[in-house]
PDB file of N, CA and C in Angstrom:
ATOM      1  N   MET A   1       3.081   5.339  71.274  1.00  0.00           N
ATOM      2  CA  MET A   1       1.717   5.069  70.838  1.00  0.00           C
ATOM      3  C   MET A   1       1.743   3.993  69.751  1.00  0.00           C
ATOM      4  N   LYS A   2       0.894   3.008  69.898  1.00  0.00           N
ATOM      5  CA  LYS A   2       0.834   1.909  68.938  1.00  0.00           C
ATOM      6  C   LYS A   2       0.146   2.373  67.653  1.00  0.00           C
ATOM      7  N   ALA A   3       0.715   1.997  66.516  1.00  0.00           N
ATOM      8  CA  ALA A   3       0.124   2.338  65.220  1.00  0.00           C
ATOM      9  C   ALA A   3      -0.802   1.202  64.794  1.00  0.00           C
ATOM     10  N   TYR A   4      -2.081   1.471  64.707  1.00  0.00           N
ATOM     11  CA  TYR A   4      -3.057   0.470  64.287  1.00  0.00           C
ATOM     12  C   TYR A   4      -3.162   0.469  62.771  1.00  0.00           C
ATOM     13  N   LEU A   5      -3.109  -0.705  62.196  1.00  0.00           N
ATOM     14  CA  LEU A   5      -3.153  -0.844  60.738  1.00  0.00           C
ATOM     15  C   LEU A   5      -4.570  -0.653  60.219  1.00  0.00           C
ATOM     16  N   LEU A   6      -4.656  -0.052  59.055  1.00  0.00           N
ATOM     17  CA  LEU A   6      -5.942   0.095  58.388  1.00  0.00           C
ATOM     18  C   LEU A   6      -6.378  -1.253  57.829  1.00  0.00           C
ATOM     19  N   PRO A   7      -7.693  -1.459  57.696  1.00  0.00           N
ATOM     20  CA  PRO A   7      -8.150  -2.689  57.041  1.00  0.00           C
ATOM     21  C   PRO A   7      -7.776  -2.653  55.561  1.00  0.00           C
ATOM     22  N   LYS A   8      -7.632  -3.810  54.953  1.00  0.00           N
ATOM     23  CA  LYS A   8      -7.341  -3.878  53.512  1.00  0.00           C
ATOM     24  C   LYS A   8      -8.625  -3.921  52.691  1.00  0.00           C
ATOM     25  N   ARG A   9      -9.720  -4.275  53.358  1.00  0.00           N
ATOM     26  CA  ARG A   9     -11.006  -4.400  52.668  1.00  0.00           C
ATOM     27  C   ARG A   9     -12.118  -4.217  53.702  1.00  0.00           C
ATOM     28  N   MET A  10     -13.167  -3.510  53.306  1.00  0.00           N
ATOM     29  CA  MET A  10     -14.306  -3.265  54.193  1.00  0.00           C
ATOM     30  C   MET A  10     -15.565  -3.818  53.561  1.00  0.00           C
ATOM     31  N   SER A  11     -16.387  -4.448  54.370  1.00  0.00           N
ATOM     32  CA  SER A  11     -17.687  -4.920  53.910  1.00  0.00           C
ATOM     33  C   SER A  11     -18.718  -3.825  54.156  1.00  0.00           C
ATOM     34  N   LEU A  12     -19.475  -3.493  53.118  1.00  0.00           N
ATOM     35  CA  LEU A  12     -20.541  -2.503  53.248  1.00  0.00           C
ATOM     36  C   LEU A  12     -21.912  -3.153  53.109  1.00  0.00           C
ATOM     37  N   GLY A  13     -21.949  -4.461  53.201  1.00  0.00           N
ATOM     38  CA  GLY A  13     -23.189  -5.209  53.094  1.00  0.00           C
ATOM     39  C   GLY A  13     -22.894  -6.594  52.553  1.00  0.00           C
ATOM     40  N   PRO A  14     -23.934  -7.414  52.397  1.00  0.00           N
ATOM     41  CA  PRO A  14     -23.720  -8.758  51.864  1.00  0.00           C
ATOM     42  C   PRO A  14     -23.089  -8.706  50.472  1.00  0.00           C
ATOM     43  N   HIS A  15     -21.924  -9.273  50.325  1.00  0.00           N
ATOM     44  CA  HIS A  15     -21.228  -9.376  49.043  1.00  0.00           C
ATOM     45  C   HIS A  15     -20.894  -8.018  48.435  1.00  0.00           C
ATOM     46  N   VAL A  16     -20.740  -6.995  49.268  1.00  0.00           N
ATOM     47  CA  VAL A  16     -20.398  -5.649  48.805  1.00  0.00           C
ATOM     48  C   VAL A  16     -19.173  -5.184  49.590  1.00  0.00           C
ATOM     49  N   TYR A  17     -18.065  -4.951  48.871  1.00  0.00           N
ATOM     50  CA  TYR A  17     -16.805  -4.630  49.525  1.00  0.00           C
ATOM     51  C   TYR A  17     -16.160  -3.387  48.918  1.00  0.00           C
ATOM     52  N   VAL A  18     -15.363  -2.734  49.740  1.00  0.00           N
ATOM     53  CA  VAL A  18     -14.531  -1.616  49.314  1.00  0.00           C
ATOM     54  C   VAL A  18     -13.100  -1.961  49.694  1.00  0.00           C
ATOM     55  N   LYS A  19     -12.201  -1.846  48.746  1.00  0.00           N
ATOM     56  CA  LYS A  19     -10.782  -2.113  48.983  1.00  0.00           C
ATOM     57  C   LYS A  19     -10.134  -0.857  49.558  1.00  0.00           C
ATOM     58  N   VAL A  20      -9.162  -1.042  50.449  1.00  0.00           N
ATOM     59  CA  VAL A  20      -8.416   0.073  51.030  1.00  0.00           C
ATOM     60  C   VAL A  20      -6.950  -0.134  50.673  1.00  0.00           C
ATOM     61  N   GLN A  21      -6.330   0.894  50.104  1.00  0.00           N
ATOM     62  CA  GLN A  21      -4.955   0.739  49.627  1.00  0.00           C
ATOM     63  C   GLN A  21      -4.123   1.964  49.961  1.00  0.00           C
ATOM     64  N   LEU A  22      -2.956   1.724  50.569  1.00  0.00           N
ATOM     65  CA  LEU A  22      -1.983   2.793  50.767  1.00  0.00           C
ATOM     66  C   LEU A  22      -1.216   2.975  49.464  1.00  0.00           C
ATOM     67  N   THR A  23      -0.948   4.216  49.116  1.00  0.00           N
ATOM     68  CA  THR A  23      -0.250   4.481  47.864  1.00  0.00           C
ATOM     69  C   THR A  23       0.620   5.726  48.005  1.00  0.00           C
ATOM     70  N   SER A  24       1.524   5.885  47.087  1.00  0.00           N
ATOM     71  CA  SER A  24       2.410   7.055  47.136  1.00  0.00           C
ATOM     72  C   SER A  24       1.642   8.310  46.692  1.00  0.00           C
ATOM     73  N   PRO A  25       2.051   9.464  47.180  1.00  0.00           N
ATOM     74  CA  PRO A  25       1.423  10.709  46.729  1.00  0.00           C
ATOM     75  C   PRO A  25       1.526  10.884  45.213  1.00  0.00           C
ATOM     76  N   THR A  26       2.608  10.414  44.625  1.00  0.00           N
ATOM     77  CA  THR A  26       2.784  10.516  43.174  1.00  0.00           C
ATOM     78  C   THR A  26       1.727   9.702  42.442  1.00  0.00           C
ATOM     79  N   THR A  27       1.488   8.480  42.894  1.00  0.00           N
ATOM     80  CA  THR A  27       0.460   7.634  42.280  1.00  0.00           C
ATOM     81  C   THR A  27      -0.924   8.241  42.479  1.00  0.00           C
ATOM     82  N   MET A  28      -1.166   8.818  43.647  1.00  0.00           N
ATOM     83  CA  MET A  28      -2.462   9.431  43.920  1.00  0.00           C
ATOM     84  C   MET A  28      -2.731  10.578  42.944  1.00  0.00           C
ATOM     85  N   LYS A  29      -1.679  11.327  42.584  1.00  0.00           N
ATOM     86  CA  LYS A  29      -1.849  12.438  41.648  1.00  0.00           C
ATOM     87  C   LYS A  29      -2.342  11.965  40.285  1.00  0.00           C
ATOM     88  N   LEU A  30      -2.030  10.730  39.916  1.00  0.00           N
ATOM     89  CA  LEU A  30      -2.500  10.188  38.635  1.00  0.00           C
ATOM     90  C   LEU A  30      -4.025  10.082  38.601  1.00  0.00           C
ATOM     91  N   HIS A  31      -4.633   9.864  39.759  1.00  0.00           N
ATOM     92  CA  HIS A  31      -6.086   9.726  39.851  1.00  0.00           C
ATOM     93  C   HIS A  31      -6.799  11.059  40.045  1.00  0.00           C
ATOM     94  N   THR A  32      -6.038  12.121  40.343  1.00  0.00           N
ATOM     95  CA  THR A  32      -6.656  13.416  40.654  1.00  0.00           C
ATOM     96  C   THR A  32      -6.221  14.521  39.703  1.00  0.00           C
ATOM     97  N   GLU A  33      -5.729  14.150  38.549  1.00  0.00           N
ATOM     98  CA  GLU A  33      -5.284  15.125  37.553  1.00  0.00           C
ATOM     99  C   GLU A  33      -4.249  16.089  38.131  1.00  0.00           C
ATOM    100  N   GLY A  34      -3.335  15.555  38.956  1.00  0.00           N
ATOM    101  CA  GLY A  34      -2.245  16.348  39.494  1.00  0.00           C
ATOM    102  C   GLY A  34      -2.508  17.026  40.819  1.00  0.00           C
ATOM    103  N   GLU A  35      -3.747  16.980  41.286  1.00  0.00           N
ATOM    104  CA  GLU A  35      -4.069  17.614  42.564  1.00  0.00           C
ATOM    105  C   GLU A  35      -3.484  16.799  43.715  1.00  0.00           C
ATOM    106  N   GLU A  36      -2.896  17.486  44.688  1.00  0.00           N
ATOM    107  CA  GLU A  36      -2.334  16.810  45.853  1.00  0.00           C
ATOM    108  C   GLU A  36      -3.417  16.609  46.901  1.00  0.00           C
ATOM    109  N   VAL A  37      -3.693  15.345  47.220  1.00  0.00           N
ATOM    110  CA  VAL A  37      -4.683  15.002  48.238  1.00  0.00           C
ATOM    111  C   VAL A  37      -4.095  13.919  49.139  1.00  0.00           C
ATOM    112  N   ASP A  38      -4.649  13.801  50.344  1.00  0.00           N
ATOM    113  CA  ASP A  38      -4.196  12.764  51.271  1.00  0.00           C
ATOM    114  C   ASP A  38      -4.974  11.469  51.105  1.00  0.00           C
ATOM    115  N   GLY A  39      -6.170  11.559  50.536  1.00  0.00           N
ATOM    116  CA  GLY A  39      -6.997  10.379  50.351  1.00  0.00           C
ATOM    117  C   GLY A  39      -7.969  10.561  49.213  1.00  0.00           C
ATOM    118  N   LEU A  40      -8.495   9.434  48.737  1.00  0.00           N
ATOM    119  CA  LEU A  40      -9.376   9.481  47.574  1.00  0.00           C
ATOM    120  C   LEU A  40     -10.267   8.252  47.556  1.00  0.00           C
ATOM    121  N   TRP A  41     -11.557   8.456  47.336  1.00  0.00           N
ATOM    122  CA  TRP A  41     -12.512   7.369  47.114  1.00  0.00           C
ATOM    123  C   TRP A  41     -12.739   7.289  45.614  1.00  0.00           C
ATOM    124  N   LEU A  42     -12.428   6.143  45.024  1.00  0.00           N
ATOM    125  CA  LEU A  42     -12.573   5.946  43.588  1.00  0.00           C
ATOM    126  C   LEU A  42     -13.558   4.803  43.335  1.00  0.00           C
ATOM    127  N   PRO A  43     -14.829   5.132  43.073  1.00  0.00           N
ATOM    128  CA  PRO A  43     -15.820   4.077  42.855  1.00  0.00           C
ATOM    129  C   PRO A  43     -15.632   3.371  41.518  1.00  0.00           C
ATOM    130  N   SER A  44     -16.089   2.136  41.449  1.00  0.00           N
ATOM    131  CA  SER A  44     -16.042   1.364  40.197  1.00  0.00           C
ATOM    132  C   SER A  44     -17.322   0.558  40.057  1.00  0.00           C
ATOM    133  N   PHE A  45     -18.446   1.222  40.161  1.00  0.00           N
ATOM    134  CA  PHE A  45     -19.749   0.550  40.137  1.00  0.00           C
ATOM    135  C   PHE A  45     -20.029  -0.143  38.809  1.00  0.00           C
ATOM    136  N   GLU A  46     -19.497   0.379  37.726  1.00  0.00           N
ATOM    137  CA  GLU A  46     -19.800  -0.178  36.412  1.00  0.00           C
ATOM    138  C   GLU A  46     -19.195  -1.562  36.204  1.00  0.00           C
ATOM    139  N   ASP A  47     -18.252  -1.968  37.051  1.00  0.00           N
ATOM    140  CA  ASP A  47     -17.607  -3.268  36.879  1.00  0.00           C
ATOM    141  C   ASP A  47     -18.521  -4.434  37.251  1.00  0.00           C
ATOM    142  N   ASN A  48     -19.613  -4.151  37.957  1.00  0.00           N
ATOM    143  CA  ASN A  48     -20.596  -5.170  38.325  1.00  0.00           C
ATOM    144  C   ASN A  48     -19.945  -6.338  39.073  1.00  0.00           C
ATOM    145  N   ASN A  49     -19.100  -6.009  40.049  1.00  0.00           N
ATOM    146  CA  ASN A  49     -18.523  -7.052  40.883  1.00  0.00           C
ATOM    147  C   ASN A  49     -18.691  -6.683  42.343  1.00  0.00           C
ATOM    148  N   ALA A  50     -18.220  -7.531  43.228  1.00  0.00           N
ATOM    149  CA  ALA A  50     -18.417  -7.317  44.655  1.00  0.00           C
ATOM    150  C   ALA A  50     -17.600  -6.131  45.185  1.00  0.00           C
ATOM    151  N   GLU A  51     -16.421  -5.885  44.614  1.00  0.00           N
ATOM    152  CA  GLU A  51     -15.633  -4.737  45.048  1.00  0.00           C
ATOM    153  C   GLU A  51     -16.085  -3.511  44.278  1.00  0.00           C
ATOM    154  N   LEU A  52     -16.713  -2.597  44.997  1.00  0.00           N
ATOM    155  CA  LEU A  52     -17.337  -1.449  44.344  1.00  0.00           C
ATOM    156  C   LEU A  52     -16.458  -0.215  44.296  1.00  0.00           C
ATOM    157  N   GLY A  53     -15.207  -0.341  44.701  1.00  0.00           N
ATOM    158  CA  GLY A  53     -14.317   0.794  44.616  1.00  0.00           C
ATOM    159  C   GLY A  53     -13.121   0.640  45.529  1.00  0.00           C
ATOM    160  N   ILE A  54     -12.264   1.651  45.482  1.00  0.00           N
ATOM    161  CA  ILE A  54     -11.036   1.637  46.276  1.00  0.00           C
ATOM    162  C   ILE A  54     -10.910   2.961  47.020  1.00  0.00           C
ATOM    163  N   ILE A  55     -10.531   2.866  48.278  1.00  0.00           N
ATOM    164  CA  ILE A  55     -10.139   4.037  49.050  1.00  0.00           C
ATOM    165  C   ILE A  55      -8.620   4.071  49.020  1.00  0.00           C
ATOM    166  N   TYR A  56      -8.070   5.105  48.411  1.00  0.00           N
ATOM    167  CA  TYR A  56      -6.624   5.298  48.382  1.00  0.00           C
ATOM    168  C   TYR A  56      -6.232   6.257  49.500  1.00  0.00           C
ATOM    169  N   ILE A  57      -5.152   5.929  50.205  1.00  0.00           N
ATOM    170  CA  ILE A  57      -4.649   6.784  51.272  1.00  0.00           C
ATOM    171  C   ILE A  57      -3.142   6.939  51.081  1.00  0.00           C
ATOM    172  N   ALA A  58      -2.664   8.170  51.194  1.00  0.00           N
ATOM    173  CA  ALA A  58      -1.235   8.440  51.014  1.00  0.00           C
ATOM    174  C   ALA A  58      -0.434   7.720  52.097  1.00  0.00           C
ATOM    175  N   GLU A  59       0.576   6.995  51.659  1.00  0.00           N
ATOM    176  CA  GLU A  59       1.362   6.175  52.581  1.00  0.00           C
ATOM    177  C   GLU A  59       2.336   6.980  53.438  1.00  0.00           C
ATOM    178  N   ASN A  60       2.568   8.239  53.094  1.00  0.00           N
ATOM    179  CA  ASN A  60       3.531   9.056  53.838  1.00  0.00           C
ATOM    180  C   ASN A  60       2.917   9.752  55.054  1.00  0.00           C
ATOM    181  N   LEU A  61       1.672   9.445  55.381  1.00  0.00           N
ATOM    182  CA  LEU A  61       0.992  10.087  56.508  1.00  0.00           C
ATOM    183  C   LEU A  61       1.232   9.317  57.800  1.00  0.00           C
ATOM    184  N   SER A  62       1.057   9.998  58.920  1.00  0.00           N
ATOM    185  CA  SER A  62       1.137   9.329  60.218  1.00  0.00           C
ATOM    186  C   SER A  62      -0.053   8.380  60.359  1.00  0.00           C
ATOM    187  N   SER A  63       0.051   7.445  61.272  1.00  0.00           N
ATOM    188  CA  SER A  63      -1.034   6.493  61.496  1.00  0.00           C
ATOM    189  C   SER A  63      -2.334   7.214  61.869  1.00  0.00           C
ATOM    190  N   ALA A  64      -2.244   8.201  62.741  1.00  0.00           N
ATOM    191  CA  ALA A  64      -3.441   8.943  63.158  1.00  0.00           C
ATOM    192  C   ALA A  64      -4.079   9.660  61.969  1.00  0.00           C
ATOM    193  N   ARG A  65      -3.258  10.270  61.124  1.00  0.00           N
ATOM    194  CA  ARG A  65      -3.783  10.986  59.946  1.00  0.00           C
ATOM    195  C   ARG A  65      -4.381  10.007  58.951  1.00  0.00           C
ATOM    196  N   ARG A  66      -3.755   8.833  58.773  1.00  0.00           N
ATOM    197  CA  ARG A  66      -4.319   7.810  57.875  1.00  0.00           C
ATOM    198  C   ARG A  66      -5.723   7.421  58.316  1.00  0.00           C
ATOM    199  N   TRP A  67      -5.908   7.229  59.628  1.00  0.00           N
ATOM    200  CA  TRP A  67      -7.233   6.854  60.136  1.00  0.00           C
ATOM    201  C   TRP A  67      -8.250   7.973  59.922  1.00  0.00           C
ATOM    202  N   THR A  68      -7.818   9.205  60.096  1.00  0.00           N
ATOM    203  CA  THR A  68      -8.719  10.339  59.862  1.00  0.00           C
ATOM    204  C   THR A  68      -9.159  10.374  58.399  1.00  0.00           C
ATOM    205  N   ILE A  69      -8.212  10.223  57.498  1.00  0.00           N
ATOM    206  CA  ILE A  69      -8.517  10.222  56.059  1.00  0.00           C
ATOM    207  C   ILE A  69      -9.374   9.013  55.704  1.00  0.00           C
ATOM    208  N   PHE A  70      -9.051   7.853  56.261  1.00  0.00           N
ATOM    209  CA  PHE A  70      -9.835   6.641  56.009  1.00  0.00           C
ATOM    210  C   PHE A  70     -11.300   6.851  56.392  1.00  0.00           C
ATOM    211  N   ARG A  71     -11.549   7.375  57.589  1.00  0.00           N
ATOM    212  CA  ARG A  71     -12.940   7.587  58.020  1.00  0.00           C
ATOM    213  C   ARG A  71     -13.661   8.563  57.090  1.00  0.00           C
ATOM    214  N   HIS A  72     -12.961   9.619  56.692  1.00  0.00           N
ATOM    215  CA  HIS A  72     -13.553  10.602  55.782  1.00  0.00           C
ATOM    216  C   HIS A  72     -13.935   9.957  54.444  1.00  0.00           C
ATOM    217  N   GLU A  73     -13.009   9.209  53.860  1.00  0.00           N
ATOM    218  CA  GLU A  73     -13.272   8.573  52.566  1.00  0.00           C
ATOM    219  C   GLU A  73     -14.297   7.447  52.692  1.00  0.00           C
ATOM    220  N   LEU A  74     -14.319   6.765  53.832  1.00  0.00           N
ATOM    221  CA  LEU A  74     -15.302   5.707  54.051  1.00  0.00           C
ATOM    222  C   LEU A  74     -16.724   6.268  54.051  1.00  0.00           C
ATOM    223  N   ILE A  75     -16.898   7.461  54.598  1.00  0.00           N
ATOM    224  CA  ILE A  75     -18.221   8.105  54.568  1.00  0.00           C
ATOM    225  C   ILE A  75     -18.659   8.340  53.122  1.00  0.00           C
ATOM    226  N   HIS A  76     -17.746   8.808  52.283  1.00  0.00           N
ATOM    227  CA  HIS A  76     -18.062   8.970  50.854  1.00  0.00           C
ATOM    228  C   HIS A  76     -18.431   7.626  50.232  1.00  0.00           C
ATOM    229  N   ALA A  77     -17.654   6.591  50.548  1.00  0.00           N
ATOM    230  CA  ALA A  77     -17.901   5.260  49.982  1.00  0.00           C
ATOM    231  C   ALA A  77     -19.266   4.730  50.407  1.00  0.00           C
ATOM    232  N   ILE A  78     -19.620   4.892  51.672  1.00  0.00           N
ATOM    233  CA  ILE A  78     -20.913   4.413  52.164  1.00  0.00           C
ATOM    234  C   ILE A  78     -22.050   5.160  51.474  1.00  0.00           C
ATOM    235  N   HIS A  79     -21.923   6.466  51.395  1.00  0.00           N
ATOM    236  CA  HIS A  79     -22.974   7.278  50.778  1.00  0.00           C
ATOM    237  C   HIS A  79     -23.164   6.908  49.302  1.00  0.00           C
ATOM    238  N   ASP A  80     -22.076   6.851  48.555  1.00  0.00           N
ATOM    239  CA  ASP A  80     -22.156   6.543  47.125  1.00  0.00           C
ATOM    240  C   ASP A  80     -22.635   5.115  46.872  1.00  0.00           C
ATOM    241  N   THR A  81     -22.158   4.179  47.685  1.00  0.00           N
ATOM    242  CA  THR A  81     -22.561   2.782  47.523  1.00  0.00           C
ATOM    243  C   THR A  81     -24.038   2.608  47.832  1.00  0.00           C
ATOM    244  N   ASP A  82     -24.511   3.250  48.886  1.00  0.00           N
ATOM    245  CA  ASP A  82     -25.934   3.174  49.227  1.00  0.00           C
ATOM    246  C   ASP A  82     -26.794   3.729  48.093  1.00  0.00           C
ATOM    247  N   ALA A  83     -26.408   4.868  47.543  1.00  0.00           N
ATOM    248  CA  ALA A  83     -27.156   5.462  46.427  1.00  0.00           C
ATOM    249  C   ALA A  83     -27.134   4.537  45.212  1.00  0.00           C
ATOM    250  N   TRP A  84     -25.980   3.953  44.905  1.00  0.00           N
ATOM    251  CA  TRP A  84     -25.874   3.046  43.757  1.00  0.00           C
ATOM    252  C   TRP A  84     -26.719   1.793  43.955  1.00  0.00           C
ATOM    253  N   LEU A  85     -26.685   1.221  45.157  1.00  0.00           N
ATOM    254  CA  LEU A  85     -27.497   0.017  45.416  1.00  0.00           C
ATOM    255  C   LEU A  85     -28.983   0.320  45.305  1.00  0.00           C
ATOM    256  N   ARG A  86     -29.413   1.474  45.807  1.00  0.00           N
ATOM    257  CA  ARG A  86     -30.829   1.853  45.704  1.00  0.00           C
ATOM    258  C   ARG A  86     -31.242   2.082  44.248  1.00  0.00           C
ATOM    259  N   ASP A  87     -30.367   2.715  43.466  1.00  0.00           N
ATOM    260  CA  ASP A  87     -30.655   2.947  42.053  1.00  0.00           C
ATOM    261  C   ASP A  87     -30.677   1.638  41.266  1.00  0.00           C
ATOM    262  N   THR A  88     -29.812   0.714  41.640  1.00  0.00           N
ATOM    263  CA  THR A  88     -29.674  -0.545  40.894  1.00  0.00           C
ATOM    264  C   THR A  88     -30.727  -1.574  41.301  1.00  0.00           C
ATOM    265  N   TYR A  89     -30.972  -1.702  42.611  1.00  0.00           N
ATOM    266  CA  TYR A  89     -31.842  -2.774  43.100  1.00  0.00           C
ATOM    267  C   TYR A  89     -33.124  -2.280  43.745  1.00  0.00           C
ATOM    268  N   GLY A  90     -33.283  -0.958  43.841  1.00  0.00           N
ATOM    269  CA  GLY A  90     -34.474  -0.404  44.472  1.00  0.00           C
ATOM    270  C   GLY A  90     -34.312  -0.340  45.973  1.00  0.00           C
ATOM    271  N   PRO A  91     -35.236   0.344  46.645  1.00  0.00           N
ATOM    272  CA  PRO A  91     -35.165   0.436  48.114  1.00  0.00           C
ATOM    273  C   PRO A  91     -35.292  -0.951  48.744  1.00  0.00           C
ATOM    274  N   GLN A  92     -34.519  -1.196  49.753  1.00  0.00           N
ATOM    275  CA  GLN A  92     -34.551  -2.498  50.425  1.00  0.00           C
ATOM    276  C   GLN A  92     -35.271  -2.392  51.749  1.00  0.00           C
TER     277      GLN A  92
END
């Protein structure tokens, strides 16, 4: 079975991007206060730039599991980004 690579960056609208990064489980624990997780959506809306956050995915997972985690975290990113854009710029 061919392993399809995850995107490195996703567009969620005009000039609105989310970065996708594979990382070690140890590094992921730094963002979760020691909790072991396979993926994490970390928003950065306060930075006021085009990249509104990062989806971290554990690099030790199979390709199929990475895609499952990516889709799960992407849903969080879409939901949070949509809410932030509506709060910041009003309904479009």
